[in-house]
Each structure stands twice: as structure tokens, then as C-alpha cells.
């Protein structure tokens, strides 16, 4: 079941909803990274002109940790 929310400007990591299960999402990132043999896998949320890393799996420390914010205006 997908999270249904009227708070589209809230970040997923800040919402309290039973469908938002960060440990399960992290497990999916681990599986995708293993399956595709990628160096990094991310779930990103876009809101307005900003992104937040919801969860990540990295073979090296690319500094793309969960909760990181960045803006398209920065680039």
C-alpha cells in the first residue's frame, strides 16, 4: 500500500505513516545494489527544487547518506 498524504511538502523521512518503513526500504536498496552490482543505489525525493536522500546503499563513502538535502539551484 502506498502512503497517501496531503502533506506533499513534507519529506518522507519526517512523516509518521505505516507505509513508510525505512528499514524495509534500506533492505530493498541493499538487494538492488547487490543485484545490479552497482556502487551506489539511492531513493530520492524531489520537492520543489530540492532533493532529499531517503535511503542509500554505497560500496564507498560517496557522502550520499539518508537525510542529505541538496538543491537543483546549487548546480
Protein backbone atom coordinates (compact mmCIF):
# COMPACT_ATOMS: atom_id res chain seq x y z
CA UNK A 1 0.00 0.00 0.00
CA UNK A 2 1.34 3.41 -0.91
CA UNK A 3 1.47 6.28 1.52
CA UNK A 4 -1.40 8.68 0.90
CA UNK A 5 -0.74 12.12 2.28
CA UNK A 6 -1.94 15.65 1.74
CA UNK A 7 1.40 16.94 3.03
CA UNK A 8 3.28 16.97 -0.27
CA UNK A 9 5.85 19.40 1.03
CA UNK A 10 6.89 17.14 3.91
CA UNK A 11 9.89 14.90 3.46
CA UNK A 12 9.21 11.17 3.65
CA UNK A 13 11.77 10.79 6.44
CA UNK A 14 9.75 13.29 8.51
CA UNK A 15 6.34 11.64 8.10
CA UNK A 16 4.86 9.14 10.51
CA UNK A 17 2.98 6.69 8.29
CA UNK A 18 2.82 2.87 8.44
CA UNK A 19 3.69 2.56 4.73
CA UNK A 20 6.96 4.46 5.27
CA UNK A 21 9.23 1.78 6.65
CA UNK A 22 12.84 2.94 6.33
CA UNK A 23 14.42 -0.39 7.39
CA UNK A 24 12.43 -2.18 4.66
CA UNK A 25 13.38 0.46 2.08
CA UNK A 26 17.01 0.08 3.14
CA UNK A 27 16.73 -3.67 2.62
CA UNK A 28 15.45 -3.02 -0.91
CA UNK A 29 18.43 -0.75 -1.58
CA UNK A 30 20.79 -3.47 -0.39
CA UNK A 31 19.13 -6.01 -2.72
CA UNK A 32 19.17 -3.67 -5.74
CA UNK A 33 22.80 -2.78 -5.18
CA UNK A 34 23.71 -6.46 -4.99
CA UNK A 35 21.58 -7.46 -7.98
CA UNK A 36 22.90 -4.74 -10.30
CA UNK A 37 26.40 -4.81 -8.76
CA UNK A 38 26.23 -1.05 -8.52
CA UNK A 39 28.49 1.19 -6.49
CA UNK A 40 25.54 3.14 -5.12
CA UNK A 41 21.75 2.92 -5.05
CA UNK A 42 19.51 5.72 -3.82
CA UNK A 43 15.89 6.55 -3.20
CA UNK A 44 15.49 10.30 -3.72
CA UNK A 45 12.53 12.51 -3.01
CA UNK A 46 12.04 15.69 -5.04
CA UNK A 47 10.08 18.58 -3.58
CA UNK A 48 10.06 21.93 -5.34
CA UNK A 49 13.72 22.39 -6.36
CA UNK A 50 15.25 20.29 -3.59
CA UNK A 51 16.11 16.64 -3.19
CA UNK A 52 16.49 14.52 -0.08
CA UNK A 53 18.19 11.13 0.06
CA UNK A 54 15.56 8.89 1.64
CA UNK A 55 17.92 5.91 1.90
CA UNK A 56 21.10 4.75 0.22
CA UNK A 57 23.47 1.83 -0.17
CA UNK A 58 27.06 2.61 -1.17
CA UNK A 59 30.12 0.46 -1.77
CA UNK A 60 32.28 3.51 -0.94
CA UNK A 61 31.51 6.59 1.09
CA UNK A 62 30.12 8.97 -1.52
CA UNK A 63 28.62 11.14 1.24
CA UNK A 64 25.10 10.30 -0.03
CA UNK A 65 23.65 9.34 3.33
CA UNK A 66 19.98 9.23 4.25
CA UNK A 67 18.66 12.67 5.13
CA UNK A 68 21.09 14.58 2.89
CA UNK A 69 19.48 17.62 1.24
CA UNK A 70 20.61 19.25 -1.97
CA UNK A 71 19.04 21.74 -4.31
CA UNK A 72 18.97 21.94 -8.08
CA UNK A 73 19.69 25.63 -7.60
CA UNK A 74 23.13 24.72 -6.16
CA UNK A 75 24.28 23.40 -9.54
